[in-house]
Amino acid sequence: MQYLVSVIDDTAGLATTDEMAAIDVFNDRLRSEGYWVFAGGLAEPTSATVIDNRGATAIFTDGPFVEAKEYLAGFWILEAPDLDVALALAADGSKACHRKVEVRPFR
């Protein structure tokens, strides 16, 4: 089963050099143990564009969809046999990136 591990940040700063090194080690582990599907870091929320095309014309709005103290800073998509394994991996990912993470299974 695949799981989305969302990295939650509440600072404007990027990962430190030490955090990036720990993330690289964690990513290498995910690859070598067969859990890796995909991962990525995201630019700051102010770089977002929200698009609403539910009406007659698409509306494009600069900035994040919601104003919040915390935001999605990055993610991992993992392939794990069950939720317990995904949660254990996510705990290690949280330690590596020094941020909170949220785990959600794909449908």
PDB file of N, CA and C in Angstrom:
ATOM      1  N   MET A   1       0.845  -1.177   0.000  1.00  0.00           N
ATOM      2  CA  MET A   1       0.000   0.000   0.000  1.00  0.00           C
ATOM      3  C   MET A   1       0.893   1.243   0.000  1.00  0.00           C
ATOM      4  N   GLN A   2       0.407   2.295  -0.636  1.00  0.00           N
ATOM      5  CA  GLN A   2       1.185   3.527  -0.676  1.00  0.00           C
ATOM      6  C   GLN A   2       0.653   4.530   0.341  1.00  0.00           C
ATOM      7  N   TYR A   3       1.580   5.312   0.885  1.00  0.00           N
ATOM      8  CA  TYR A   3       1.270   6.311   1.904  1.00  0.00           C
ATOM      9  C   TYR A   3       1.912   7.637   1.523  1.00  0.00           C
ATOM     10  N   LEU A   4       1.181   8.716   1.787  1.00  0.00           N
ATOM     11  CA  LEU A   4       1.713  10.068   1.636  1.00  0.00           C
ATOM     12  C   LEU A   4       2.178  10.531   3.007  1.00  0.00           C
ATOM     13  N   VAL A   5       3.439  10.888   3.100  1.00  0.00           N
ATOM     14  CA  VAL A   5       3.994  11.456   4.328  1.00  0.00           C
ATOM     15  C   VAL A   5       4.249  12.925   4.041  1.00  0.00           C
ATOM     16  N   SER A   6       3.417  13.792   4.602  1.00  0.00           N
ATOM     17  CA  SER A   6       3.511  15.232   4.383  1.00  0.00           C
ATOM     18  C   SER A   6       4.393  15.862   5.445  1.00  0.00           C
ATOM     19  N   VAL A   7       5.322  16.684   5.020  1.00  0.00           N
ATOM     20  CA  VAL A   7       6.200  17.399   5.943  1.00  0.00           C
ATOM     21  C   VAL A   7       5.551  18.739   6.259  1.00  0.00           C
ATOM     22  N   ILE A   8       5.341  18.999   7.529  1.00  0.00           N
ATOM     23  CA  ILE A   8       4.649  20.204   7.982  1.00  0.00           C
ATOM     24  C   ILE A   8       5.669  21.146   8.603  1.00  0.00           C
ATOM     25  N   ASP A   9       5.684  22.380   8.136  1.00  0.00           N
ATOM     26  CA  ASP A   9       6.653  23.358   8.627  1.00  0.00           C
ATOM     27  C   ASP A   9       5.930  24.595   9.129  1.00  0.00           C
ATOM     28  N   ASP A  10       6.536  25.271  10.091  1.00  0.00           N
ATOM     29  CA  ASP A  10       5.966  26.517  10.601  1.00  0.00           C
ATOM     30  C   ASP A  10       7.010  27.627  10.623  1.00  0.00           C
ATOM     31  N   THR A  11       8.066  27.441   9.829  1.00  0.00           N
ATOM     32  CA  THR A  11       9.097  28.468   9.722  1.00  0.00           C
ATOM     33  C   THR A  11       9.240  28.872   8.259  1.00  0.00           C
ATOM     34  N   ALA A  12       9.829  29.997   8.019  1.00  0.00           N
ATOM     35  CA  ALA A  12      10.045  30.455   6.649  1.00  0.00           C
ATOM     36  C   ALA A  12      11.371  29.962   6.093  1.00  0.00           C
ATOM     37  N   GLY A  13      12.184  29.357   6.940  1.00  0.00           N
ATOM     38  CA  GLY A  13      13.511  28.950   6.521  1.00  0.00           C
ATOM     39  C   GLY A  13      13.529  27.602   5.837  1.00  0.00           C
ATOM     40  N   LEU A  14      14.532  27.393   5.015  1.00  0.00           N
ATOM     41  CA  LEU A  14      14.743  26.105   4.378  1.00  0.00           C
ATOM     42  C   LEU A  14      15.447  25.177   5.354  1.00  0.00           C
ATOM     43  N   ALA A  15      15.523  23.924   4.994  1.00  0.00           N
ATOM     44  CA  ALA A  15      16.250  22.959   5.817  1.00  0.00           C
ATOM     45  C   ALA A  15      17.716  23.388   5.929  1.00  0.00           C
ATOM     46  N   THR A  16      18.282  23.156   7.092  1.00  0.00           N
ATOM     47  CA  THR A  16      19.695  23.470   7.303  1.00  0.00           C
ATOM     48  C   THR A  16      20.557  22.445   6.562  1.00  0.00           C
ATOM     49  N   THR A  17      21.832  22.712   6.485  1.00  0.00           N
ATOM     50  CA  THR A  17      22.765  21.786   5.856  1.00  0.00           C
ATOM     51  C   THR A  17      22.731  20.437   6.570  1.00  0.00           C
ATOM     52  N   ASP A  18      22.711  20.447   7.899  1.00  0.00           N
ATOM     53  CA  ASP A  18      22.650  19.200   8.664  1.00  0.00           C
ATOM     54  C   ASP A  18      21.336  18.459   8.419  1.00  0.00           C
ATOM     55  N   GLU A  19      20.225  19.191   8.356  1.00  0.00           N
ATOM     56  CA  GLU A  19      18.931  18.559   8.078  1.00  0.00           C
ATOM     57  C   GLU A  19      18.920  17.951   6.676  1.00  0.00           C
ATOM     58  N   MET A  20      19.455  18.656   5.691  1.00  0.00           N
ATOM     59  CA  MET A  20      19.504  18.124   4.326  1.00  0.00           C
ATOM     60  C   MET A  20      20.350  16.856   4.262  1.00  0.00           C
ATOM     61  N   ALA A  21      21.458  16.838   4.995  1.00  0.00           N
ATOM     62  CA  ALA A  21      22.295  15.637   5.025  1.00  0.00           C
ATOM     63  C   ALA A  21      21.535  14.469   5.643  1.00  0.00           C
ATOM     64  N   ALA A  22      20.805  14.724   6.726  1.00  0.00           N
ATOM     65  CA  ALA A  22      20.021  13.662   7.377  1.00  0.00           C
ATOM     66  C   ALA A  22      18.888  13.190   6.456  1.00  0.00           C
ATOM     67  N   ILE A  23      18.271  14.109   5.733  1.00  0.00           N
ATOM     68  CA  ILE A  23      17.213  13.742   4.787  1.00  0.00           C
ATOM     69  C   ILE A  23      17.789  12.875   3.668  1.00  0.00           C
ATOM     70  N   ASP A  24      18.960  13.228   3.173  1.00  0.00           N
ATOM     71  CA  ASP A  24      19.607  12.428   2.127  1.00  0.00           C
ATOM     72  C   ASP A  24      19.885  11.008   2.606  1.00  0.00           C
ATOM     73  N   VAL A  25      20.361  10.863   3.840  1.00  0.00           N
ATOM     74  CA  VAL A  25      20.618   9.541   4.410  1.00  0.00           C
ATOM     75  C   VAL A  25      19.308   8.760   4.524  1.00  0.00           C
ATOM     76  N   PHE A  26      18.255   9.429   5.008  1.00  0.00           N
ATOM     77  CA  PHE A  26      16.950   8.785   5.127  1.00  0.00           C
ATOM     78  C   PHE A  26      16.424   8.358   3.755  1.00  0.00           C
ATOM     79  N   ASN A  27      16.541   9.245   2.749  1.00  0.00           N
ATOM     80  CA  ASN A  27      16.098   8.901   1.399  1.00  0.00           C
ATOM     81  C   ASN A  27      16.859   7.697   0.851  1.00  0.00           C
ATOM     82  N   ASP A  28      18.166   7.656   1.073  1.00  0.00           N
ATOM     83  CA  ASP A  28      18.968   6.513   0.629  1.00  0.00           C
ATOM     84  C   ASP A  28      18.486   5.227   1.295  1.00  0.00           C
ATOM     85  N   ARG A  29      18.150   5.311   2.573  1.00  0.00           N
ATOM     86  CA  ARG A  29      17.628   4.137   3.293  1.00  0.00           C
ATOM     87  C   ARG A  29      16.303   3.673   2.683  1.00  0.00           C
ATOM     88  N   LEU A  30      15.400   4.631   2.410  1.00  0.00           N
ATOM     89  CA  LEU A  30      14.116   4.267   1.800  1.00  0.00           C
ATOM     90  C   LEU A  30      14.331   3.550   0.473  1.00  0.00           C
ATOM     91  N   ARG A  31      15.261   4.052  -0.322  1.00  0.00           N
ATOM     92  CA  ARG A  31      15.546   3.422  -1.621  1.00  0.00           C
ATOM     93  C   ARG A  31      16.107   2.016  -1.434  1.00  0.00           C
ATOM     94  N   SER A  32      17.102   1.889  -0.555  1.00  0.00           N
ATOM     95  CA  SER A  32      17.772   0.596  -0.395  1.00  0.00           C
ATOM     96  C   SER A  32      16.870  -0.462   0.232  1.00  0.00           C
ATOM     97  N   GLU A  33      15.888  -0.034   1.046  1.00  0.00           N
ATOM     98  CA  GLU A  33      14.989  -0.990   1.694  1.00  0.00           C
ATOM     99  C   GLU A  33      13.693  -1.207   0.906  1.00  0.00           C
ATOM    100  N   GLY A  34      13.559  -0.534  -0.247  1.00  0.00           N
ATOM    101  CA  GLY A  34      12.423  -0.769  -1.126  1.00  0.00           C
ATOM    102  C   GLY A  34      11.152  -0.019  -0.782  1.00  0.00           C
ATOM    103  N   TYR A  35      11.224   1.002   0.061  1.00  0.00           N
ATOM    104  CA  TYR A  35      10.041   1.781   0.432  1.00  0.00           C
ATOM    105  C   TYR A  35       9.836   3.015  -0.435  1.00  0.00           C
ATOM    106  N   TRP A  36      10.871   3.444  -1.130  1.00  0.00           N
ATOM    107  CA  TRP A  36      10.860   4.692  -1.894  1.00  0.00           C
ATOM    108  C   TRP A  36       9.936   4.599  -3.100  1.00  0.00           C
ATOM    109  N   VAL A  37       9.069   5.580  -3.266  1.00  0.00           N
ATOM    110  CA  VAL A  37       8.303   5.762  -4.494  1.00  0.00           C
ATOM    111  C   VAL A  37       8.691   7.110  -5.098  1.00  0.00           C
ATOM    112  N   PHE A  38       8.569   8.175  -4.308  1.00  0.00           N
ATOM    113  CA  PHE A  38       8.873   9.520  -4.793  1.00  0.00           C
ATOM    114  C   PHE A  38       8.930  10.453  -3.594  1.00  0.00           C
ATOM    115  N   ALA A  39       9.650  11.540  -3.728  1.00  0.00           N
ATOM    116  CA  ALA A  39       9.693  12.565  -2.677  1.00  0.00           C
ATOM    117  C   ALA A  39      10.011  13.902  -3.314  1.00  0.00           C
ATOM    118  N   GLY A  40       9.672  14.972  -2.589  1.00  0.00           N
ATOM    119  CA  GLY A  40      10.000  16.298  -3.089  1.00  0.00           C
ATOM    120  C   GLY A  40       9.818  17.356  -2.028  1.00  0.00           C
ATOM    121  N   GLY A  41      10.593  18.393  -2.136  1.00  0.00           N
ATOM    122  CA  GLY A  41      10.439  19.566  -1.292  1.00  0.00           C
ATOM    123  C   GLY A  41       9.693  20.635  -2.076  1.00  0.00           C
ATOM    124  N   LEU A  42       8.945  21.452  -1.389  1.00  0.00           N
ATOM    125  CA  LEU A  42       8.142  22.476  -2.040  1.00  0.00           C
ATOM    126  C   LEU A  42       8.653  23.877  -1.713  1.00  0.00           C
ATOM    127  N   ALA A  43       8.453  24.785  -2.642  1.00  0.00           N
ATOM    128  CA  ALA A  43       8.795  26.192  -2.415  1.00  0.00           C
ATOM    129  C   ALA A  43       7.837  26.772  -1.371  1.00  0.00           C
ATOM    130  N   GLU A  44       8.172  27.943  -0.882  1.00  0.00           N
ATOM    131  CA  GLU A  44       7.363  28.583   0.158  1.00  0.00           C
ATOM    132  C   GLU A  44       5.939  28.843  -0.339  1.00  0.00           C
ATOM    133  N   PRO A  45       4.968  28.916   0.576  1.00  0.00           N
ATOM    134  CA  PRO A  45       3.564  29.090   0.193  1.00  0.00           C
ATOM    135  C   PRO A  45       3.290  30.343  -0.642  1.00  0.00           C
ATOM    136  N   THR A  46       4.076  31.388  -0.462  1.00  0.00           N
ATOM    137  CA  THR A  46       3.836  32.613  -1.230  1.00  0.00           C
ATOM    138  C   THR A  46       4.070  32.412  -2.720  1.00  0.00           C
ATOM    139  N   SER A  47       4.726  31.330  -3.113  1.00  0.00           N
ATOM    140  CA  SER A  47       4.961  31.053  -4.530  1.00  0.00           C
ATOM    141  C   SER A  47       3.782  30.320  -5.178  1.00  0.00           C
ATOM    142  N   ALA A  48       2.772  29.969  -4.389  1.00  0.00           N
ATOM    143  CA  ALA A  48       1.637  29.192  -4.892  1.00  0.00           C
ATOM    144  C   ALA A  48       0.690  30.036  -5.738  1.00  0.00           C
ATOM    145  N   THR A  49      -0.013  29.371  -6.626  1.00  0.00           N
ATOM    146  CA  THR A  49      -1.127  29.953  -7.370  1.00  0.00           C
ATOM    147  C   THR A  49      -2.316  29.024  -7.204  1.00  0.00           C
ATOM    148  N   VAL A  50      -3.441  29.581  -6.787  1.00  0.00           N
ATOM    149  CA  VAL A  50      -4.667  28.812  -6.629  1.00  0.00           C
ATOM    150  C   VAL A  50      -5.519  29.018  -7.881  1.00  0.00           C
ATOM    151  N   ILE A  51      -6.019  27.910  -8.430  1.00  0.00           N
ATOM    152  CA  ILE A  51      -6.833  27.967  -9.643  1.00  0.00           C
ATOM    153  C   ILE A  51      -8.203  27.385  -9.325  1.00  0.00           C
ATOM    154  N   ASP A  52      -9.250  28.156  -9.621  1.00  0.00           N
ATOM    155  CA  ASP A  52     -10.628  27.703  -9.430  1.00  0.00           C
ATOM    156  C   ASP A  52     -11.330  27.747 -10.782  1.00  0.00           C
ATOM    157  N   ASN A  53     -11.530  26.590 -11.381  1.00  0.00           N
ATOM    158  CA  ASN A  53     -12.164  26.511 -12.686  1.00  0.00           C
ATOM    159  C   ASN A  53     -13.517  25.806 -12.587  1.00  0.00           C
ATOM    160  N   ARG A  54     -14.227  26.051 -11.485  1.00  0.00           N
ATOM    161  CA  ARG A  54     -15.541  25.440 -11.299  1.00  0.00           C
ATOM    162  C   ARG A  54     -16.638  26.239 -11.981  1.00  0.00           C
ATOM    163  N   GLY A  55     -16.361  27.465 -12.362  1.00  0.00           N
ATOM    164  CA  GLY A  55     -17.367  28.322 -12.996  1.00  0.00           C
ATOM    165  C   GLY A  55     -17.142  28.422 -14.490  1.00  0.00           C
ATOM    166  N   ALA A  56     -17.652  29.492 -15.066  1.00  0.00           N
ATOM    167  CA  ALA A  56     -17.551  29.706 -16.508  1.00  0.00           C
ATOM    168  C   ALA A  56     -16.127  30.061 -16.935  1.00  0.00           C
ATOM    169  N   THR A  57     -15.380  30.687 -16.037  1.00  0.00           N
ATOM    170  CA  THR A  57     -14.027  31.130 -16.345  1.00  0.00           C
ATOM    171  C   THR A  57     -13.094  30.733 -15.210  1.00  0.00           C
ATOM    172  N   ALA A  58     -11.899  30.300 -15.558  1.00  0.00           N
ATOM    173  CA  ALA A  58     -10.908  29.955 -14.534  1.00  0.00           C
ATOM    174  C   ALA A  58     -10.440  31.225 -13.831  1.00  0.00           C
ATOM    175  N   ILE A  59     -10.343  31.154 -12.511  1.00  0.00           N
ATOM    176  CA  ILE A  59      -9.859  32.274 -11.710  1.00  0.00           C
ATOM    177  C   ILE A  59      -8.510  31.865 -11.120  1.00  0.00           C
ATOM    178  N   PHE A  60      -7.498  32.685 -11.349  1.00  0.00           N
ATOM    179  CA  PHE A  60      -6.149  32.439 -10.846  1.00  0.00           C
ATOM    180  C   PHE A  60      -5.862  33.452  -9.742  1.00  0.00           C
ATOM    181  N   THR A  61      -5.448  32.955  -8.574  1.00  0.00           N
ATOM    182  CA  THR A  61      -5.172  33.825  -7.437  1.00  0.00           C
ATOM    183  C   THR A  61      -3.766  33.527  -6.918  1.00  0.00           C
ATOM    184  N   ASP A  62      -2.962  34.569  -6.767  1.00  0.00           N
ATOM    185  CA  ASP A  62      -1.617  34.387  -6.217  1.00  0.00           C
ATOM    186  C   ASP A  62      -1.691  34.089  -4.734  1.00  0.00           C
ATOM    187  N   GLY A  63      -0.747  33.273  -4.279  1.00  0.00           N
ATOM    188  CA  GLY A  63      -0.635  32.997  -2.858  1.00  0.00           C
ATOM    189  C   GLY A  63      -1.293  31.687  -2.469  1.00  0.00           C
ATOM    190  N   PRO A  64      -1.108  31.300  -1.230  1.00  0.00           N
ATOM    191  CA  PRO A  64      -1.628  30.008  -0.783  1.00  0.00           C
ATOM    192  C   PRO A  64      -3.154  30.003  -0.699  1.00  0.00           C
ATOM    193  N   PHE A  65      -3.729  28.803  -0.758  1.00  0.00           N
ATOM    194  CA  PHE A  65      -5.177  28.625  -0.663  1.00  0.00           C
ATOM    195  C   PHE A  65      -5.690  29.097   0.686  1.00  0.00           C
ATOM    196  N   VAL A  66      -4.976  28.769   1.739  1.00  0.00           N
ATOM    197  CA  VAL A  66      -5.384  29.199   3.082  1.00  0.00           C
ATOM    198  C   VAL A  66      -4.214  29.910   3.753  1.00  0.00           C
ATOM    199  N   GLU A  67      -4.539  30.849   4.576  1.00  0.00           N
ATOM    200  CA  GLU A  67      -3.529  31.499   5.405  1.00  0.00           C
ATOM    201  C   GLU A  67      -3.419  30.671   6.679  1.00  0.00           C
ATOM    202  N   ALA A  68      -2.273  30.126   6.922  1.00  0.00           N
ATOM    203  CA  ALA A  68      -2.096  29.265   8.085  1.00  0.00           C
ATOM    204  C   ALA A  68      -0.693  29.427   8.641  1.00  0.00           C
ATOM    205  N   LYS A  69      -0.546  29.095   9.904  1.00  0.00           N
ATOM    206  CA  LYS A  69       0.764  29.148  10.551  1.00  0.00           C
ATOM    207  C   LYS A  69       1.671  28.037  10.020  1.00  0.00           C
ATOM    208  N   GLU A  70       1.080  26.895   9.733  1.00  0.00           N
ATOM    209  CA  GLU A  70       1.840  25.758   9.222  1.00  0.00           C
ATOM    210  C   GLU A  70       1.500  25.531   7.759  1.00  0.00           C
ATOM    211  N   TYR A  71       2.443  24.936   7.043  1.00  0.00           N
ATOM    212  CA  TYR A  71       2.223  24.680   5.628  1.00  0.00           C
ATOM    213  C   TYR A  71       2.941  23.413   5.195  1.00  0.00           C
ATOM    214  N   LEU A  72       2.554  22.916   4.034  1.00  0.00           N
ATOM    215  CA  LEU A  72       3.168  21.729   3.460  1.00  0.00           C
ATOM    216  C   LEU A  72       4.518  22.128   2.865  1.00  0.00           C
ATOM    217  N   ALA A  73       5.593  21.580   3.428  1.00  0.00           N
ATOM    218  CA  ALA A  73       6.934  21.942   2.983  1.00  0.00           C
ATOM    219  C   ALA A  73       7.534  20.904   2.039  1.00  0.00           C
ATOM    220  N   GLY A  74       7.011  19.700   2.076  1.00  0.00           N
ATOM    221  CA  GLY A  74       7.522  18.633   1.228  1.00  0.00           C
ATOM    222  C   GLY A  74       6.761  17.355   1.521  1.00  0.00           C
ATOM    223  N   PHE A  75       7.194  16.271   0.887  1.00  0.00           N
ATOM    224  CA  PHE A  75       6.474  15.013   1.065  1.00  0.00           C
ATOM    225  C   PHE A  75       7.330  13.835   0.629  1.00  0.00           C
ATOM    226  N   TRP A  76       6.942  12.688   1.121  1.00  0.00           N
ATOM    227  CA  TRP A  76       7.437  11.402   0.638  1.00  0.00           C
ATOM    228  C   TRP A  76       6.221  10.581   0.240  1.00  0.00           C
ATOM    229  N   ILE A  77       6.336   9.800  -0.801  1.00  0.00           N
ATOM    230  CA  ILE A  77       5.360   8.759  -1.091  1.00  0.00           C
ATOM    231  C   ILE A  77       6.088   7.445  -0.873  1.00  0.00           C
ATOM    232  N   LEU A  78       5.555   6.656   0.043  1.00  0.00           N
ATOM    233  CA  LEU A  78       6.190   5.401   0.437  1.00  0.00           C
ATOM    234  C   LEU A  78       5.334   4.214   0.029  1.00  0.00           C
ATOM    235  N   GLU A  79       5.981   3.108  -0.235  1.00  0.00           N
ATOM    236  CA  GLU A  79       5.310   1.824  -0.430  1.00  0.00           C
ATOM    237  C   GLU A  79       5.655   0.996   0.798  1.00  0.00           C
ATOM    238  N   ALA A  80       4.646   0.673   1.593  1.00  0.00           N
ATOM    239  CA  ALA A  80       4.872  -0.072   2.836  1.00  0.00           C
ATOM    240  C   ALA A  80       3.816  -1.170   2.955  1.00  0.00           C
ATOM    241  N   PRO A  81       4.153  -2.268   3.607  1.00  0.00           N
ATOM    242  CA  PRO A  81       3.200  -3.378   3.705  1.00  0.00           C
ATOM    243  C   PRO A  81       1.974  -3.067   4.565  1.00  0.00           C
ATOM    244  N   ASP A  82       2.123  -2.135   5.515  1.00  0.00           N
ATOM    245  CA  ASP A  82       0.986  -1.793   6.380  1.00  0.00           C
ATOM    246  C   ASP A  82       1.233  -0.451   7.062  1.00  0.00           C
ATOM    247  N   LEU A  83       0.208   0.019   7.758  1.00  0.00           N
ATOM    248  CA  LEU A  83       0.275   1.329   8.408  1.00  0.00           C
ATOM    249  C   LEU A  83       1.358   1.376   9.478  1.00  0.00           C
ATOM    250  N   ASP A  84       1.550   0.302  10.215  1.00  0.00           N
ATOM    251  CA  ASP A  84       2.571   0.311  11.269  1.00  0.00           C
ATOM    252  C   ASP A  84       3.962   0.580  10.700  1.00  0.00           C
ATOM    253  N   VAL A  85       4.287  -0.041   9.583  1.00  0.00           N
ATOM    254  CA  VAL A  85       5.582   0.199   8.938  1.00  0.00           C
ATOM    255  C   VAL A  85       5.657   1.635   8.444  1.00  0.00           C
ATOM    256  N   ALA A  86       4.585   2.128   7.827  1.00  0.00           N
ATOM    257  CA  ALA A  86       4.561   3.508   7.334  1.00  0.00           C
ATOM    258  C   ALA A  86       4.756   4.503   8.473  1.00  0.00           C
ATOM    259  N   LEU A  87       4.110   4.243   9.605  1.00  0.00           N
ATOM    260  CA  LEU A  87       4.250   5.153  10.753  1.00  0.00           C
ATOM    261  C   LEU A  87       5.674   5.133  11.309  1.00  0.00           C
ATOM    262  N   ALA A  88       6.289   3.957  11.370  1.00  0.00           N
ATOM    263  CA  ALA A  88       7.671   3.865  11.858  1.00  0.00           C
ATOM    264  C   ALA A  88       8.618   4.607  10.921  1.00  0.00           C
ATOM    265  N   LEU A  89       8.411   4.440   9.614  1.00  0.00           N
ATOM    266  CA  LEU A  89       9.244   5.164   8.647  1.00  0.00           C
ATOM    267  C   LEU A  89       9.016   6.664   8.753  1.00  0.00           C
ATOM    268  N   ALA A  90       7.766   7.075   8.908  1.00  0.00           N
ATOM    269  CA  ALA A  90       7.447   8.500   9.029  1.00  0.00           C
ATOM    270  C   ALA A  90       8.097   9.100  10.271  1.00  0.00           C
ATOM    271  N   ALA A  91       8.126   8.342  11.368  1.00  0.00           N
ATOM    272  CA  ALA A  91       8.791   8.832  12.580  1.00  0.00           C
ATOM    273  C   ALA A  91      10.269   9.081  12.307  1.00  0.00           C
ATOM    274  N   ASP A  92      10.896   8.178  11.557  1.00  0.00           N
ATOM    275  CA  ASP A  92      12.303   8.380  11.190  1.00  0.00           C
ATOM    276  C   ASP A  92      12.462   9.577  10.252  1.00  0.00           C
ATOM    277  N   GLY A  93      11.511   9.766   9.347  1.00  0.00           N
ATOM    278  CA  GLY A  93      11.547  10.923   8.453  1.00  0.00           C
ATOM    279  C   GLY A  93      11.396  12.224   9.210  1.00  0.00           C
ATOM    280  N   SER A  94      10.514  12.233  10.210  1.00  0.00           N
ATOM    281  CA  SER A  94      10.331  13.422  11.044  1.00  0.00           C
ATOM    282  C   SER A  94      11.623  13.777  11.765  1.00  0.00           C
ATOM    283  N   LYS A  95      12.297  12.755  12.254  1.00  0.00           N
ATOM    284  CA  LYS A  95      13.576  12.968  12.949  1.00  0.00           C
ATOM    285  C   LYS A  95      14.603  13.540  11.966  1.00  0.00           C
ATOM    286  N   ALA A  96      14.643  12.981  10.751  1.00  0.00           N
ATOM    287  CA  ALA A  96      15.639  13.413   9.759  1.00  0.00           C
ATOM    288  C   ALA A  96      15.429  14.862   9.338  1.00  0.00           C
ATOM    289  N   CYS A  97      14.180  15.247   9.068  1.00  0.00           N
ATOM    290  CA  CYS A  97      13.941  16.609   8.574  1.00  0.00           C
ATOM    291  C   CYS A  97      13.678  17.604   9.698  1.00  0.00           C
ATOM    292  N   HIS A  98      13.548  17.102  10.925  1.00  0.00           N
ATOM    293  CA  HIS A  98      13.346  17.928  12.110  1.00  0.00           C
ATOM    294  C   HIS A  98      12.068  18.764  12.003  1.00  0.00           C
ATOM    295  N   ARG A  99      11.016  18.100  11.497  1.00  0.00           N
ATOM    296  CA  ARG A  99       9.709  18.732  11.354  1.00  0.00           C
ATOM    297  C   ARG A  99       8.623  17.706  11.641  1.00  0.00           C
ATOM    298  N   LYS A 100       7.414  18.186  11.894  1.00  0.00           N
ATOM    299  CA  LYS A 100       6.285  17.276  12.044  1.00  0.00           C
ATOM    300  C   LYS A 100       5.938  16.694  10.686  1.00  0.00           C
ATOM    301  N   VAL A 101       5.369  15.487  10.700  1.00  0.00           N
ATOM    302  CA  VAL A 101       4.880  14.883   9.467  1.00  0.00           C
ATOM    303  C   VAL A 101       3.478  14.320   9.705  1.00  0.00           C
ATOM    304  N   GLU A 102       2.734  14.182   8.634  1.00  0.00           N
ATOM    305  CA  GLU A 102       1.409  13.570   8.667  1.00  0.00           C
ATOM    306  C   GLU A 102       1.423  12.394   7.703  1.00  0.00           C
ATOM    307  N   VAL A 103       0.835  11.273   8.107  1.00  0.00           N
ATOM    308  CA  VAL A 103       0.783  10.085   7.278  1.00  0.00           C
ATOM    309  C   VAL A 103      -0.663   9.838   6.848  1.00  0.00           C
ATOM    310  N   ARG A 104      -0.854   9.635   5.538  1.00  0.00           N
ATOM    311  CA  ARG A 104      -2.193   9.316   5.016  1.00  0.00           C
ATOM    312  C   ARG A 104      -2.065   8.255   3.938  1.00  0.00           C
ATOM    313  N   PRO A 105      -2.877   7.210   4.030  1.00  0.00           N
ATOM    314  CA  PRO A 105      -2.845   6.185   2.978  1.00  0.00           C
ATOM    315  C   PRO A 105      -3.536   6.688   1.715  1.00  0.00           C
ATOM    316  N   PHE A 106      -3.064   6.197   0.568  1.00  0.00           N
ATOM    317  CA  PHE A 106      -3.774   6.441  -0.677  1.00  0.00           C
ATOM    318  C   PHE A 106      -4.980   5.514  -0.715  1.00  0.00           C
ATOM    319  N   ARG A 107      -6.016   5.928  -1.394  1.00  0.00           N
ATOM    320  CA  ARG A 107      -7.204   5.076  -1.554  1.00  0.00           C
ATOM    321  C   ARG A 107      -6.964   4.026  -2.589  1.00  0.00           C
TER     322      ARG A 107
END
